[in-house]
Protein backbone atom coordinates (compact mmCIF):
# COMPACT_ATOMS: atom_id res chain seq x y z
CA ILE A 1 -3.90 1.43 33.42
CA LEU A 2 -7.00 3.39 32.13
CA ILE A 3 -9.11 1.04 34.28
CA ASN A 4 -11.31 3.02 36.81
CA MET A 5 -9.39 6.39 35.82
CA LYS A 6 -11.50 9.36 34.98
CA ILE A 7 -11.07 10.88 31.94
CA TYR A 8 -11.30 14.55 31.06
CA ASN A 9 -11.85 15.28 27.43
CA PHE A 10 -10.08 18.74 26.42
CA SER A 11 -10.89 18.14 22.68
CA ALA A 12 -12.04 21.24 20.58
CA GLY A 13 -14.45 18.92 18.84
CA PRO A 14 -15.93 16.46 18.68
CA ALA A 15 -16.05 17.46 22.55
CA CYS A 16 -17.27 15.82 26.10
CA LEU A 17 -20.61 15.84 26.37
CA PRO A 18 -22.63 15.68 29.51
CA GLU A 19 -22.83 12.11 31.16
CA PRO A 20 -26.96 12.32 31.55
CA VAL A 21 -27.18 13.22 27.80
CA LEU A 22 -24.82 9.86 26.96
CA ASN A 23 -26.97 7.84 28.94
CA ALA A 24 -30.10 9.07 27.45
CA THR A 25 -28.78 8.21 24.00
CA GLN A 26 -27.54 4.86 24.82
CA LYS A 27 -31.20 4.33 25.79
CA ALA A 28 -32.82 5.80 22.60
CA ALA A 29 -30.29 3.85 20.39
CA ILE A 30 -32.06 0.70 21.57
CA GLU A 31 -35.44 1.93 22.08
CA TYR A 32 -37.35 5.20 21.67
CA LYS A 33 -40.62 6.20 23.40
CA GLY A 34 -41.83 2.61 23.73
CA THR A 35 -42.06 2.42 19.84
CA GLY A 36 -39.70 -1.05 19.87
CA MET A 37 -37.38 0.80 17.28
CA SER A 38 -34.31 2.77 17.85
CA VAL A 39 -34.63 6.27 17.42
CA MET A 40 -32.07 5.58 14.55
CA GLU A 41 -34.36 3.47 12.99
CA MET A 42 -37.52 5.20 12.61
CA SER A 43 -38.90 7.44 9.81
CA HIS A 44 -38.36 11.16 10.09
CA ARG A 45 -41.83 11.66 8.75
CA SER A 46 -43.30 9.37 12.08
CA GLU A 47 -45.02 11.35 14.82
CA PRO A 48 -42.39 10.67 17.53
CA ILE A 49 -39.29 12.13 15.38
CA VAL A 50 -41.76 14.99 14.22
CA ASP A 51 -42.22 15.84 17.81
CA LEU A 52 -38.20 15.40 18.39
CA PHE A 53 -37.67 18.14 15.97
CA HIS A 54 -40.50 20.38 17.09
CA GLU A 55 -39.54 20.19 20.87
CA THR A 56 -35.97 20.74 20.12
CA THR A 57 -36.95 24.01 18.25
CA SER A 58 -38.90 25.09 21.09
CA ARG A 59 -35.94 24.48 23.61
CA VAL A 60 -33.31 26.56 21.19
CA ARG A 61 -36.12 29.02 20.82
CA GLU A 62 -37.02 29.45 24.67
CA LEU A 63 -33.22 29.22 25.84
CA LEU A 64 -31.71 31.81 23.33
CA ASP A 65 -35.32 34.06 23.29
CA VAL A 66 -35.36 33.69 19.48
CA PRO A 67 -37.87 36.61 18.10
CA SER A 68 -40.96 34.95 16.31
CA ASN A 69 -39.95 36.91 12.95
CA TYR A 70 -36.79 34.28 12.99
CA HIS A 71 -36.76 30.59 11.67
CA VAL A 72 -34.70 27.73 13.51
CA LEU A 73 -33.40 25.28 11.08
CA TRP A 74 -31.49 21.99 11.30
CA LEU A 75 -29.03 21.46 8.19
CA GLN A 76 -26.32 19.47 7.22
CA GLY A 77 -22.92 20.07 6.14
CA GLY A 78 -21.51 21.69 9.21
CA ALA A 79 -20.57 25.18 9.52
CA SER A 80 -18.40 24.64 6.38
CA MET A 81 -21.50 24.26 4.11
CA GLN A 82 -22.70 27.55 5.72
CA PHE A 83 -19.44 29.34 4.48
CA ALA A 84 -21.16 28.95 0.92
CA MET A 85 -24.45 29.15 2.08
CA VAL A 86 -24.74 32.49 3.57
CA PRO A 87 -23.24 34.39 0.67
CA MET A 88 -25.46 32.43 -1.72
CA ASN A 89 -28.41 33.31 -0.05
CA LEU A 90 -27.86 36.82 0.88
CA LEU A 91 -25.69 37.93 -2.01
CA SER A 92 -26.10 38.36 -5.80
CA ASN A 93 -22.68 38.19 -7.82
CA THR A 94 -22.71 42.18 -7.88
CA SER A 95 -22.80 42.74 -3.97
CA THR A 96 -20.24 42.70 -1.42
CA ALA A 97 -20.25 41.61 2.43
CA ASP A 98 -17.97 42.33 5.00
CA TYR A 99 -15.52 39.96 7.31
CA ILE A 100 -13.49 40.19 10.02
CA GLU A 101 -10.37 37.89 9.72
CA THR A 102 -9.94 36.30 13.14
CA GLY A 103 -8.49 32.84 12.49
CA SER A 104 -8.71 30.07 10.23
CA TRP A 105 -12.39 29.71 10.15
CA SER A 106 -12.93 33.22 9.22
CA THR A 107 -10.33 32.39 6.30
CA LYS A 108 -12.25 29.81 4.99
CA ALA A 109 -15.52 31.80 5.05
CA ILE A 110 -13.81 34.46 3.28
CA THR A 111 -12.49 32.11 0.55
CA GLU A 112 -15.97 30.63 -0.04
CA CYS A 113 -17.50 34.12 -0.11
CA ASN A 114 -15.46 35.09 -3.01
CA LYS A 115 -16.14 32.37 -4.95
CA VAL A 116 -19.77 33.53 -4.61
CA ALA A 117 -19.41 37.53 -4.90
CA LYS A 118 -16.75 39.68 -3.00
CA ALA A 119 -15.68 39.38 0.66
CA ASN A 120 -14.13 42.96 2.03
CA VAL A 121 -11.87 41.78 4.54
CA ILE A 122 -12.04 45.29 6.58
CA ALA A 123 -9.66 43.84 9.25
CA SER A 124 -7.54 40.72 10.03
CA SER A 125 -5.11 39.96 13.01
CA LYS A 126 -3.66 37.28 10.69
CA GLN A 127 0.08 39.05 11.06
CA ASP A 128 -0.29 38.68 14.90
CA ILE A 129 -1.45 35.16 14.72
CA PHE A 130 -4.69 35.61 15.16
CA SER A 131 -3.82 36.71 18.79
CA TYR A 132 -6.36 39.07 19.20
CA ILE A 133 -9.63 40.37 18.02
CA PRO A 134 -9.18 43.52 15.61
CA LYS A 135 -11.14 46.89 16.91
CA GLU A 136 -10.46 49.31 14.39
CA TYR A 137 -11.95 49.07 11.19
CA LYS A 138 -14.24 50.89 8.33
CA GLN A 139 -17.26 49.13 6.99
CA LYS A 140 -18.32 49.03 3.52
CA ILE A 141 -21.54 51.32 2.96
CA ASP A 142 -22.69 49.06 0.39
CA SER A 143 -22.16 45.85 2.16
CA LYS A 144 -24.99 43.39 2.71
CA TYR A 145 -23.78 41.99 6.03
CA LEU A 146 -20.96 42.11 8.23
CA HIS A 147 -19.59 38.54 9.15
CA ILE A 148 -17.44 37.38 12.30
CA THR A 149 -16.47 34.36 13.74
CA SER A 150 -17.64 34.57 17.59
CA ASN A 151 -14.70 32.49 18.98
CA ASN A 152 -12.27 30.94 17.47
CA THR A 153 -11.63 27.79 18.64
CA ILE A 154 -7.59 27.34 17.31
CA TYR A 155 -5.95 30.48 18.55
CA GLY A 156 -8.35 31.40 21.63
CA THR A 157 -9.90 34.70 20.88
CA GLN A 158 -13.86 35.60 21.45
CA TYR A 159 -15.77 38.72 21.02
CA LYS A 160 -17.02 40.08 24.27
CA VAL A 161 -19.08 42.65 22.79
CA PHE A 162 -20.44 42.45 19.19
CA PRO A 163 -19.95 44.96 16.39
CA LYS A 164 -22.66 46.98 15.04
CA VAL A 165 -23.85 46.98 11.62
CA ASP A 166 -23.24 50.61 9.72
CA ASN A 167 -25.35 49.98 6.71
CA ARG A 168 -28.76 50.36 7.68
CA ASP A 169 -29.98 48.06 5.23
CA GLY A 170 -27.31 45.23 6.40
CA CYS A 171 -26.93 43.02 9.03
CA LEU A 172 -24.58 41.12 11.70
CA VAL A 173 -23.71 37.09 10.24
CA ALA A 174 -22.55 35.56 12.84
CA ASP A 175 -20.51 31.69 13.15
CA MET A 176 -21.31 30.40 16.70
CA SER A 177 -19.84 27.14 16.36
CA SER A 178 -18.34 27.08 19.53
CA ASP A 179 -19.64 29.42 21.77
CA ILE A 180 -23.41 29.00 20.91
CA PHE A 181 -25.15 28.06 24.19
CA SER A 182 -22.14 28.96 26.46
CA ALA A 183 -23.86 32.46 27.58
CA PRO A 184 -27.03 34.38 26.78
CA ILE A 185 -27.10 36.60 23.38
CA ASN A 186 -29.30 39.02 21.98
CA VAL A 187 -30.56 37.17 18.61
CA SER A 188 -32.08 40.53 17.46
CA ASP A 189 -28.44 41.88 16.77
CA PHE A 190 -27.88 39.47 14.11
CA GLY A 191 -29.54 38.28 11.05
CA LEU A 192 -28.09 35.20 10.78
CA ILE A 193 -26.38 32.59 13.04
CA TYR A 194 -25.39 29.38 12.13
CA ALA A 195 -23.25 26.32 14.16
CA GLY A 196 -21.89 23.27 14.14
CA ALA A 197 -23.14 21.14 17.03
CA GLN A 198 -19.68 19.12 17.66
CA LYS A 199 -18.83 21.71 20.74
CA ASN A 200 -21.62 22.66 23.18
CA MET A 201 -24.78 21.18 21.34
CA GLY A 202 -23.97 17.42 20.07
CA PRO A 203 -22.16 15.51 18.17
CA ALA A 204 -21.43 16.38 14.39
CA GLY A 205 -23.90 15.88 11.83
CA VAL A 206 -26.04 18.70 12.39
CA THR A 207 -26.05 22.14 11.92
CA LEU A 208 -28.07 25.00 13.73
CA VAL A 209 -29.30 27.95 11.72
CA ILE A 210 -31.11 30.88 12.94
CA VAL A 211 -32.35 32.97 10.51
CA ARG A 212 -34.35 36.56 10.13
CA GLU A 213 -37.60 36.10 7.85
CA ASP A 214 -36.62 38.48 5.62
CA LEU A 215 -33.69 37.23 4.75
CA VAL A 216 -35.23 33.80 3.04
CA ASN A 217 -37.68 35.44 0.83
CA ASN A 218 -35.47 36.49 -2.12
CA GLU A 219 -35.29 35.68 -5.69
CA LEU A 220 -32.85 32.61 -5.96
CA ASP A 221 -34.14 30.47 -8.61
CA HIS A 222 -30.62 30.03 -9.60
CA LEU A 223 -29.40 27.89 -6.40
CA PRO A 224 -29.57 24.37 -6.00
CA THR A 225 -32.14 23.60 -4.13
CA MET A 226 -30.61 21.95 -1.19
CA MET A 227 -28.53 25.12 -1.02
CA ARG A 228 -31.70 27.56 -0.25
CA TYR A 229 -32.63 28.67 2.99
CA ASP A 230 -36.50 28.87 2.08
CA THR A 231 -36.41 25.13 0.83
CA HIS A 232 -35.64 23.91 4.09
CA VAL A 233 -38.03 26.72 5.82
CA LYS A 234 -40.98 25.36 4.04
CA LYS A 235 -40.17 21.58 5.03
CA ASP A 236 -39.56 22.49 8.37
CA SER A 237 -35.99 21.37 8.11
CA MET A 238 -37.17 17.87 6.76
CA PHE A 239 -36.59 18.31 2.72
CA ASN A 240 -34.58 15.34 2.87
CA THR A 241 -33.80 13.02 5.80
CA PRO A 242 -32.45 14.66 8.52
CA PRO A 243 -29.28 13.88 10.79
CA VAL A 244 -32.12 12.50 13.68
CA LEU A 245 -29.75 11.04 16.09
CA SER A 246 -27.85 14.04 16.11
CA VAL A 247 -31.00 16.32 16.85
CA PHE A 248 -31.96 13.87 19.53
CA VAL A 249 -28.45 14.50 21.34
CA VAL A 250 -29.02 18.14 20.94
CA ASN A 251 -32.36 17.73 22.90
CA GLU A 252 -30.91 16.16 25.57
CA THR A 253 -27.98 18.53 25.74
CA LEU A 254 -30.37 21.40 25.46
CA LYS A 255 -32.52 19.76 28.46
CA TRP A 256 -29.21 19.40 30.53
CA ILE A 257 -28.59 23.20 30.27
CA GLU A 258 -32.33 23.66 30.98
CA ASP A 259 -31.56 21.44 34.34
CA GLN A 260 -28.30 23.65 35.06
CA GLY A 261 -30.26 26.77 35.42
CA GLY A 262 -30.26 28.21 31.79
CA LEU A 263 -27.60 30.14 29.89
CA VAL A 264 -27.16 32.73 32.90
CA SER A 265 -25.99 29.62 35.38
CA ILE A 266 -24.10 28.34 32.42
CA GLU A 267 -22.34 31.37 31.47
CA ASN A 268 -21.41 32.01 35.51
CA SER A 269 -19.74 28.40 35.36
CA ASN A 270 -17.94 28.77 32.10
CA LYS A 271 -16.14 31.96 33.41
CA ILE A 272 -15.09 30.71 36.77
CA MET A 273 -13.55 27.42 35.02
CA SER A 274 -11.51 29.72 32.67
CA GLU A 275 -10.68 32.47 35.16
CA LYS A 276 -9.28 29.42 37.26
CA LEU A 277 -7.05 28.18 34.62
CA TYR A 278 -5.71 31.70 33.16
CA ALA A 279 -4.71 32.65 36.86
CA GLU A 280 -2.69 29.28 36.81
CA ILE A 281 -1.22 30.26 33.53
CA GLU A 282 -0.23 33.36 34.83
CA ARG A 283 1.13 31.92 38.03
CA ASN A 284 2.74 28.74 36.73
CA MET A 285 6.77 29.90 35.94
CA LEU A 286 6.32 27.12 33.01
CA PHE A 287 3.62 28.55 30.90
CA ARG A 288 2.05 31.27 29.02
CA SER A 289 -0.99 32.68 27.18
CA PRO A 290 -0.33 34.09 23.57
CA VAL A 291 -3.80 35.79 23.43
CA ALA A 292 -4.64 39.30 24.49
CA ILE A 293 -5.62 39.42 27.80
CA GLU A 294 -9.09 41.29 26.74
CA ASP A 295 -9.88 38.66 23.77
CA ARG A 296 -9.35 35.51 26.01
CA SER A 297 -11.96 32.67 25.12
CA THR A 298 -13.80 31.22 27.97
CA MET A 299 -14.19 28.21 25.53
CA ASN A 300 -10.76 27.48 24.02
CA ILE A 301 -7.46 28.06 25.98
CA PRO A 302 -4.52 27.94 24.43
CA PHE A 303 -0.88 27.97 26.51
CA VAL A 304 2.60 27.41 25.47
CA PHE A 305 6.00 27.13 27.47
CA ASN A 306 7.86 30.07 28.43
CA ASP A 307 11.20 28.23 27.35
CA ASN A 308 10.82 27.33 23.77
CA SER A 309 13.36 24.47 24.23
CA MET A 310 10.81 22.28 26.28
CA ASP A 311 9.28 19.36 24.97
CA ASP A 312 5.79 19.70 24.52
CA ASN A 313 5.06 16.10 24.23
CA ASP A 314 6.63 15.53 27.90
CA PHE A 315 3.99 17.37 29.37
CA LEU A 316 1.20 15.78 27.08
CA GLN A 317 2.37 12.28 28.22
CA PHE A 318 2.55 13.60 31.84
CA CYS A 319 -1.28 14.78 31.65
CA ASP A 320 -2.08 11.64 29.22
CA ALA A 321 -1.15 9.59 32.35
CA ARG A 322 -3.40 11.56 34.32
CA GLY A 323 -6.50 10.71 32.01
CA LEU A 324 -6.33 14.28 30.93
CA LYS A 325 -6.67 13.65 27.39
CA THR A 326 -6.39 15.94 24.03
CA LEU A 327 -4.48 18.64 25.31
CA LYS A 328 -1.86 19.12 22.56
CA GLY A 329 -2.06 22.77 20.71
CA HIS A 330 -2.88 23.23 16.92
CA ARG A 331 -0.32 22.72 14.73
CA SER A 332 -0.37 26.41 13.82
CA VAL A 333 0.39 27.87 17.06
CA GLY A 334 1.97 24.78 18.79
CA GLY A 335 1.71 24.33 22.81
CA PHE A 336 -1.36 23.18 24.39
CA ARG A 337 -5.06 23.96 24.33
CA ALA A 338 -7.69 23.30 26.72
CA SER A 339 -11.11 23.13 25.32
CA ILE A 340 -13.54 23.73 28.33
CA TYR A 341 -16.98 23.55 26.86
CA ASN A 342 -20.02 23.81 29.07
CA ALA A 343 -19.97 19.80 29.70
CA MET A 344 -16.43 20.05 30.96
CA PRO A 345 -16.97 19.70 35.00
CA MET A 346 -14.86 21.59 37.17
CA GLU A 347 -13.09 18.58 38.69
CA GLY A 348 -11.72 18.08 34.88
CA VAL A 349 -9.98 22.00 35.20
CA ASP A 350 -8.89 21.57 38.78
CA ALA A 351 -7.42 18.10 37.46
CA LEU A 352 -5.27 20.32 35.10
CA ILE A 353 -4.14 22.87 37.34
CA LYS A 354 -2.99 20.16 39.73
CA ALA A 355 -0.93 18.65 36.51
CA MET A 356 0.31 22.03 35.84
CA GLN A 357 1.46 22.92 39.15
CA ASP A 358 3.02 18.91 39.67
CA TYR A 359 5.06 19.46 36.56
CA GLU A 360 6.52 22.72 37.56
CA ASP A 361 7.44 21.19 41.04
CA ARG A 362 9.26 18.43 39.34
């Protein structure tokens, strides 16, 4: 049935990738740059792979306009590893950090911080099923950093304006796993940014960390070697064997972003797609958005039936038959979720809107 049917992958992650990136990866998996070897077979110490890492890092610096006093690292362990590495590197066991709880991933980050030092949960929208971004909170005067999750994949909220840090000696730390490279940002507003790749950058297996120079020069002799940022800074992210294939795909994805006109162009495209889908959710008599209007994500769009007695699986099967895949909402929210990362074409959003309209008519 699916032969010659165009498939649109609305998964929250691992997410869809641009077709040119998949084609380039297919070729490199067989033979890379005239070496006669697969990119997966080559030593990470070899010149082509070292050049690949430098090229990918340069693209990050250019696209995000990363200041020269920030390091760009390629690590493993996903954002979940950073939940622990951030407090381990930035806090002592007697210091504290502020956290704003806006979803499951920020909750996990709080849990990990509390194993190292103390996380002050200064605001949370948990009591309202994380349907909004808290705006009212008071930061602790002695906190070393304020931690946020910039976009919440499960609940569909996103920071439109990043908070300022009250403590002059503190900094802003952000988990940007699900919206990095979806719009321009001012890196100098942050002390540290981290992001798993499997949303907008590439496949799972590599994590991008952008960290300010002064945050990696602490006395951390008590930390395991692999858990120290300065370990990876000194070795250009090659202290141990890095995830070469994942970095290759990231590099190809960043090339694709450049070809689309850069982050301003990507941001405009993302806004158009998300606004079209939100407009249909508002218009369609069957559906509604559970998210506060001012905090609605451009990346992850959850929606539910207005009538709780309606069968979610019936609509999911209706979409599946049309090649619209992985639209089931997270179990904690229910309903449906359309993740429309950078690589989602406008045609995919249009196809989903058409399915919603046809289902309403039926």
